[in-house]
Amino acid sequence: METHPEEFKLTEEDIQRTEKQITEMDLTREQSILAELPLKLDELLKSSDMDDFTIELINNVSKLYNVIMSLPALHDDLKRRILYALDYFVDKDDEIPDEIPEFGYLDDLVIVRYVVDQIMSDNSDMFQA
């Protein structure tokens, strides 16, 4: 049975926890998170077989990175959401440690997609090509 990235979603409990963590995101960490991001993406690109999960994760991380880099005057709430997702992605020891084969980036994908979906629902113009 083949699985697709969109089959994995946050539970209501996960959403509540994630939203709380987003509100607690320290905006002063922006530069350190953005500095780690290219290294993490490079690591993912080198180690992966580029399945659908990996491609979606890379695309969504890139979208968030492009928004935060091209719109430095973002509202703090949007900036917190984006930084939370990017920080979650760069953290090797998140909910499912990244070293776990085939599953290590699944939680990253779900968190990053959740943030992208939340932002797009209110700000779709930010993601236009």
N, C-alpha and C. Protein backbone atom coordinates (compact mmCIF):
# COMPACT_ATOMS: atom_id res chain seq x y z
N MET A 1 0.84 -1.19 0.00
CA MET A 1 0.00 0.00 0.00
C MET A 1 0.88 1.24 0.00
N GLU A 2 0.66 2.10 -0.94
CA GLU A 2 1.44 3.34 -1.07
C GLU A 2 0.84 4.43 -0.21
N THR A 3 1.71 5.18 0.47
CA THR A 3 1.22 6.30 1.27
C THR A 3 1.61 7.60 0.58
N HIS A 4 0.84 8.63 0.84
CA HIS A 4 1.07 9.94 0.25
C HIS A 4 1.27 10.95 1.37
N PRO A 5 2.10 11.97 1.13
CA PRO A 5 2.39 12.96 2.17
C PRO A 5 1.15 13.59 2.79
N GLU A 6 0.13 13.85 1.97
CA GLU A 6 -1.06 14.53 2.48
C GLU A 6 -1.87 13.68 3.45
N GLU A 7 -1.56 12.39 3.55
CA GLU A 7 -2.28 11.51 4.48
C GLU A 7 -1.89 11.78 5.93
N PHE A 8 -0.78 12.45 6.16
CA PHE A 8 -0.30 12.68 7.52
C PHE A 8 -0.68 14.09 7.95
N LYS A 9 -1.40 14.18 9.06
CA LYS A 9 -1.87 15.47 9.55
C LYS A 9 -1.72 15.52 11.07
N LEU A 10 -1.74 16.75 11.60
CA LEU A 10 -1.72 16.94 13.04
C LEU A 10 -3.08 16.59 13.64
N THR A 11 -3.07 16.00 14.83
CA THR A 11 -4.31 15.79 15.56
C THR A 11 -4.72 17.12 16.18
N GLU A 12 -5.92 17.19 16.69
CA GLU A 12 -6.38 18.41 17.36
C GLU A 12 -5.48 18.74 18.55
N GLU A 13 -5.07 17.72 19.28
CA GLU A 13 -4.15 17.91 20.41
C GLU A 13 -2.80 18.45 19.94
N ASP A 14 -2.30 17.92 18.83
CA ASP A 14 -1.04 18.40 18.26
C ASP A 14 -1.16 19.86 17.82
N ILE A 15 -2.30 20.21 17.24
CA ILE A 15 -2.52 21.58 16.79
C ILE A 15 -2.49 22.54 17.98
N GLN A 16 -3.15 22.17 19.06
CA GLN A 16 -3.16 23.03 20.25
C GLN A 16 -1.75 23.21 20.80
N ARG A 17 -0.99 22.12 20.87
CA ARG A 17 0.39 22.19 21.37
C ARG A 17 1.26 23.04 20.43
N THR A 18 1.10 22.83 19.13
CA THR A 18 1.87 23.57 18.14
C THR A 18 1.56 25.06 18.22
N GLU A 19 0.28 25.40 18.31
CA GLU A 19 -0.11 26.81 18.39
C GLU A 19 0.47 27.47 19.64
N LYS A 20 0.50 26.75 20.75
CA LYS A 20 1.10 27.29 21.98
C LYS A 20 2.59 27.52 21.78
N GLN A 21 3.27 26.56 21.16
CA GLN A 21 4.70 26.69 20.90
C GLN A 21 4.99 27.84 19.93
N ILE A 22 4.11 28.05 18.97
CA ILE A 22 4.29 29.16 18.03
C ILE A 22 4.22 30.49 18.78
N THR A 23 3.26 30.63 19.68
CA THR A 23 3.14 31.89 20.42
C THR A 23 4.35 32.14 21.31
N GLU A 24 5.05 31.08 21.69
CA GLU A 24 6.23 31.20 22.54
C GLU A 24 7.54 31.32 21.76
N MET A 25 7.46 31.30 20.44
CA MET A 25 8.66 31.36 19.60
C MET A 25 9.40 32.66 19.83
N ASP A 26 10.69 32.54 20.11
CA ASP A 26 11.55 33.70 20.39
C ASP A 26 12.05 34.29 19.08
N LEU A 27 11.55 35.48 18.75
CA LEU A 27 11.91 36.12 17.48
C LEU A 27 13.39 36.50 17.41
N THR A 28 14.06 36.60 18.54
CA THR A 28 15.48 36.95 18.52
C THR A 28 16.34 35.80 17.98
N ARG A 29 15.75 34.64 17.80
CA ARG A 29 16.49 33.48 17.26
C ARG A 29 16.50 33.45 15.73
N GLU A 30 15.86 34.43 15.11
CA GLU A 30 15.71 34.43 13.65
C GLU A 30 17.03 34.20 12.92
N GLN A 31 18.04 34.98 13.23
CA GLN A 31 19.31 34.87 12.49
C GLN A 31 19.97 33.51 12.67
N SER A 32 19.93 32.96 13.87
CA SER A 32 20.56 31.65 14.07
C SER A 32 19.81 30.54 13.33
N ILE A 33 18.49 30.62 13.32
CA ILE A 33 17.69 29.63 12.58
C ILE A 33 17.97 29.74 11.08
N LEU A 34 17.96 30.97 10.57
CA LEU A 34 18.20 31.16 9.13
C LEU A 34 19.62 30.76 8.74
N ALA A 35 20.56 30.90 9.66
CA ALA A 35 21.94 30.49 9.37
C ALA A 35 22.07 28.97 9.31
N GLU A 36 21.29 28.25 10.10
CA GLU A 36 21.34 26.78 10.11
C GLU A 36 20.61 26.15 8.92
N LEU A 37 19.66 26.86 8.39
CA LEU A 37 18.77 26.31 7.36
C LEU A 37 19.49 25.78 6.12
N PRO A 38 20.41 26.54 5.50
CA PRO A 38 21.07 26.00 4.30
C PRO A 38 21.85 24.71 4.57
N LEU A 39 22.46 24.62 5.75
CA LEU A 39 23.21 23.40 6.09
C LEU A 39 22.28 22.21 6.20
N LYS A 40 21.13 22.42 6.83
CA LYS A 40 20.16 21.34 7.00
C LYS A 40 19.58 20.91 5.66
N LEU A 41 19.25 21.87 4.81
CA LEU A 41 18.73 21.53 3.48
C LEU A 41 19.76 20.76 2.67
N ASP A 42 21.01 21.19 2.74
CA ASP A 42 22.08 20.52 2.02
C ASP A 42 22.23 19.08 2.52
N GLU A 43 22.16 18.91 3.82
CA GLU A 43 22.24 17.57 4.42
C GLU A 43 21.10 16.69 3.93
N LEU A 44 19.91 17.25 3.88
CA LEU A 44 18.75 16.49 3.42
C LEU A 44 18.89 16.13 1.94
N LEU A 45 19.34 17.05 1.14
CA LEU A 45 19.50 16.80 -0.29
C LEU A 45 20.54 15.72 -0.56
N LYS A 46 21.59 15.68 0.24
CA LYS A 46 22.66 14.70 0.04
C LYS A 46 22.27 13.31 0.51
N SER A 47 21.43 13.23 1.54
CA SER A 47 21.16 11.93 2.17
C SER A 47 19.87 11.27 1.72
N SER A 48 19.09 11.92 0.89
CA SER A 48 17.76 11.43 0.63
C SER A 48 17.63 10.79 -0.75
N ASP A 49 16.62 9.93 -0.85
CA ASP A 49 16.30 9.35 -2.15
C ASP A 49 15.25 10.18 -2.89
N MET A 50 14.93 11.35 -2.33
CA MET A 50 14.01 12.31 -2.94
C MET A 50 12.63 11.71 -3.22
N ASP A 51 12.05 11.08 -2.22
CA ASP A 51 10.68 10.60 -2.35
C ASP A 51 9.71 11.77 -2.27
N ASP A 52 8.41 11.50 -2.40
CA ASP A 52 7.40 12.56 -2.38
C ASP A 52 7.45 13.37 -1.08
N PHE A 53 7.70 12.70 0.04
CA PHE A 53 7.76 13.38 1.33
C PHE A 53 8.89 14.41 1.34
N THR A 54 10.05 13.98 0.89
CA THR A 54 11.22 14.85 0.90
C THR A 54 11.03 16.04 -0.04
N ILE A 55 10.49 15.79 -1.21
CA ILE A 55 10.26 16.87 -2.17
C ILE A 55 9.28 17.89 -1.61
N GLU A 56 8.19 17.42 -1.02
CA GLU A 56 7.22 18.35 -0.44
C GLU A 56 7.84 19.14 0.71
N LEU A 57 8.61 18.47 1.56
CA LEU A 57 9.26 19.16 2.68
C LEU A 57 10.21 20.25 2.18
N ILE A 58 11.05 19.91 1.22
CA ILE A 58 12.00 20.89 0.68
C ILE A 58 11.25 22.07 0.04
N ASN A 59 10.21 21.78 -0.73
CA ASN A 59 9.43 22.85 -1.36
C ASN A 59 8.79 23.77 -0.33
N ASN A 60 8.21 23.19 0.71
CA ASN A 60 7.55 24.01 1.73
C ASN A 60 8.54 24.80 2.58
N VAL A 61 9.67 24.21 2.92
CA VAL A 61 10.70 24.94 3.66
C VAL A 61 11.20 26.10 2.80
N SER A 62 11.38 25.85 1.52
CA SER A 62 11.84 26.90 0.61
C SER A 62 10.82 28.04 0.53
N LYS A 63 9.53 27.71 0.47
CA LYS A 63 8.49 28.74 0.45
C LYS A 63 8.59 29.62 1.69
N LEU A 64 8.70 29.00 2.84
CA LEU A 64 8.76 29.77 4.09
C LEU A 64 10.02 30.63 4.14
N TYR A 65 11.13 30.05 3.74
CA TYR A 65 12.39 30.79 3.72
C TYR A 65 12.28 32.00 2.79
N ASN A 66 11.73 31.80 1.61
CA ASN A 66 11.59 32.91 0.64
C ASN A 66 10.70 34.02 1.19
N VAL A 67 9.62 33.66 1.88
CA VAL A 67 8.74 34.69 2.44
C VAL A 67 9.48 35.49 3.50
N ILE A 68 10.15 34.82 4.41
CA ILE A 68 10.80 35.55 5.51
C ILE A 68 11.98 36.39 5.01
N MET A 69 12.65 35.94 3.97
CA MET A 69 13.78 36.69 3.43
C MET A 69 13.32 37.86 2.55
N SER A 70 12.23 37.70 1.84
CA SER A 70 11.79 38.75 0.92
C SER A 70 10.86 39.78 1.58
N LEU A 71 10.31 39.45 2.74
CA LEU A 71 9.40 40.36 3.43
C LEU A 71 9.86 40.57 4.87
N PRO A 72 10.92 41.34 5.07
CA PRO A 72 11.47 41.49 6.42
C PRO A 72 10.55 42.21 7.40
N ALA A 73 9.54 42.91 6.92
CA ALA A 73 8.63 43.64 7.81
C ALA A 73 7.36 42.84 8.11
N LEU A 74 7.46 41.53 8.10
CA LEU A 74 6.30 40.68 8.40
C LEU A 74 5.75 40.97 9.78
N HIS A 75 4.46 40.79 9.93
CA HIS A 75 3.82 40.89 11.24
C HIS A 75 4.45 39.82 12.15
N ASP A 76 4.59 40.13 13.43
CA ASP A 76 5.26 39.21 14.36
C ASP A 76 4.61 37.82 14.40
N ASP A 77 3.28 37.75 14.29
CA ASP A 77 2.63 36.45 14.33
C ASP A 77 3.06 35.59 13.13
N LEU A 78 3.09 36.18 11.95
CA LEU A 78 3.53 35.45 10.76
C LEU A 78 4.99 35.04 10.90
N LYS A 79 5.79 35.95 11.39
CA LYS A 79 7.21 35.65 11.56
C LYS A 79 7.41 34.51 12.56
N ARG A 80 6.65 34.52 13.65
CA ARG A 80 6.74 33.43 14.64
C ARG A 80 6.37 32.09 14.01
N ARG A 81 5.30 32.09 13.22
CA ARG A 81 4.87 30.84 12.57
C ARG A 81 5.96 30.29 11.65
N ILE A 82 6.50 31.17 10.83
CA ILE A 82 7.54 30.74 9.89
C ILE A 82 8.78 30.27 10.64
N LEU A 83 9.22 31.05 11.61
CA LEU A 83 10.42 30.67 12.36
C LEU A 83 10.21 29.38 13.14
N TYR A 84 9.02 29.18 13.67
CA TYR A 84 8.73 27.93 14.38
C TYR A 84 8.91 26.74 13.43
N ALA A 85 8.31 26.83 12.25
CA ALA A 85 8.40 25.72 11.29
C ALA A 85 9.85 25.49 10.85
N LEU A 86 10.57 26.56 10.57
CA LEU A 86 11.97 26.42 10.14
C LEU A 86 12.84 25.88 11.27
N ASP A 87 12.57 26.33 12.49
CA ASP A 87 13.32 25.83 13.64
C ASP A 87 13.03 24.34 13.86
N TYR A 88 11.79 23.96 13.72
CA TYR A 88 11.42 22.55 13.86
C TYR A 88 12.17 21.72 12.83
N PHE A 89 12.24 22.23 11.61
CA PHE A 89 12.95 21.53 10.55
C PHE A 89 14.44 21.38 10.84
N VAL A 90 15.08 22.42 11.33
CA VAL A 90 16.53 22.33 11.56
C VAL A 90 16.89 21.54 12.82
N ASP A 91 15.93 21.35 13.73
CA ASP A 91 16.18 20.60 14.96
C ASP A 91 16.25 19.10 14.66
N LYS A 92 17.43 18.51 14.86
CA LYS A 92 17.61 17.09 14.59
C LYS A 92 16.88 16.20 15.59
N ASP A 93 16.67 16.72 16.81
CA ASP A 93 16.08 15.92 17.88
C ASP A 93 14.67 16.37 18.22
N ASP A 94 13.86 16.58 17.19
CA ASP A 94 12.47 16.96 17.42
C ASP A 94 11.65 15.73 17.78
N GLU A 95 10.36 15.78 17.58
CA GLU A 95 9.45 14.69 17.98
C GLU A 95 9.91 13.31 17.47
N ILE A 96 10.28 13.25 16.20
CA ILE A 96 10.86 12.03 15.63
C ILE A 96 12.27 12.42 15.18
N PRO A 97 13.31 11.93 15.87
CA PRO A 97 14.68 12.32 15.50
C PRO A 97 14.97 12.04 14.02
N ASP A 98 15.65 12.99 13.39
CA ASP A 98 15.88 12.93 11.95
C ASP A 98 16.70 11.71 11.50
N GLU A 99 17.46 11.12 12.41
CA GLU A 99 18.30 9.97 12.03
C GLU A 99 17.50 8.70 11.78
N ILE A 100 16.24 8.67 12.20
CA ILE A 100 15.45 7.45 12.03
C ILE A 100 15.10 7.29 10.55
N PRO A 101 15.60 6.23 9.93
CA PRO A 101 15.38 6.03 8.49
C PRO A 101 13.88 6.00 8.14
N GLU A 102 13.54 6.67 7.05
CA GLU A 102 12.20 6.72 6.47
C GLU A 102 11.17 7.50 7.29
N PHE A 103 11.41 7.71 8.58
CA PHE A 103 10.42 8.40 9.40
C PHE A 103 10.92 9.68 10.03
N GLY A 104 12.23 9.91 10.01
CA GLY A 104 12.82 11.03 10.72
C GLY A 104 12.35 12.40 10.30
N TYR A 105 11.95 12.53 9.05
CA TYR A 105 11.49 13.84 8.57
C TYR A 105 9.98 13.92 8.44
N LEU A 106 9.27 12.87 8.79
CA LEU A 106 7.82 12.87 8.66
C LEU A 106 7.17 13.94 9.53
N ASP A 107 7.62 14.06 10.78
CA ASP A 107 7.06 15.09 11.66
C ASP A 107 7.41 16.49 11.15
N ASP A 108 8.60 16.65 10.60
CA ASP A 108 9.01 17.95 10.04
C ASP A 108 8.05 18.32 8.90
N LEU A 109 7.79 17.35 8.03
CA LEU A 109 6.88 17.59 6.91
C LEU A 109 5.52 18.04 7.41
N VAL A 110 4.98 17.36 8.41
CA VAL A 110 3.64 17.67 8.89
C VAL A 110 3.59 19.06 9.53
N ILE A 111 4.60 19.39 10.34
CA ILE A 111 4.64 20.71 10.98
C ILE A 111 4.81 21.82 9.93
N VAL A 112 5.76 21.64 9.03
CA VAL A 112 6.01 22.66 8.01
C VAL A 112 4.78 22.83 7.12
N ARG A 113 4.14 21.74 6.71
CA ARG A 113 2.94 21.84 5.88
C ARG A 113 1.82 22.54 6.66
N TYR A 114 1.67 22.23 7.93
CA TYR A 114 0.64 22.89 8.74
C TYR A 114 0.83 24.41 8.73
N VAL A 115 2.06 24.85 8.93
CA VAL A 115 2.33 26.29 8.95
C VAL A 115 2.10 26.91 7.57
N VAL A 116 2.58 26.26 6.53
CA VAL A 116 2.35 26.77 5.17
C VAL A 116 0.85 26.88 4.90
N ASP A 117 0.08 25.84 5.23
CA ASP A 117 -1.36 25.86 5.00
C ASP A 117 -2.04 26.98 5.78
N GLN A 118 -1.63 27.18 7.03
CA GLN A 118 -2.22 28.24 7.85
C GLN A 118 -1.94 29.61 7.25
N ILE A 119 -0.72 29.82 6.83
CA ILE A 119 -0.34 31.11 6.26
C ILE A 119 -1.04 31.33 4.91
N MET A 120 -1.07 30.30 4.09
CA MET A 120 -1.69 30.43 2.77
C MET A 120 -3.17 30.71 2.85
N SER A 121 -3.84 30.19 3.86
CA SER A 121 -5.28 30.40 3.96
C SER A 121 -5.61 31.88 4.15
N ASP A 122 -4.70 32.62 4.77
CA ASP A 122 -4.93 34.05 5.01
C ASP A 122 -4.09 34.97 4.13
N ASN A 123 -3.02 34.44 3.55
CA ASN A 123 -2.05 35.28 2.84
C ASN A 123 -1.55 34.62 1.57
N SER A 124 -2.44 34.10 0.75
CA SER A 124 -2.02 33.34 -0.43
C SER A 124 -1.12 34.15 -1.37
N ASP A 125 -1.25 35.47 -1.36
CA ASP A 125 -0.42 36.30 -2.23
C ASP A 125 1.06 36.19 -1.91
N MET A 126 1.42 35.78 -0.70
CA MET A 126 2.83 35.64 -0.32
C MET A 126 3.51 34.48 -1.04
N PHE A 127 2.74 33.54 -1.53
CA PHE A 127 3.31 32.34 -2.12
C PHE A 127 3.20 32.30 -3.64
N GLN A 128 2.86 33.42 -4.23
CA GLN A 128 2.78 33.47 -5.69
C GLN A 128 4.20 33.47 -6.26
N ALA A 129 4.34 32.85 -7.40
CA ALA A 129 5.66 32.74 -8.05
C ALA A 129 6.16 34.08 -8.50
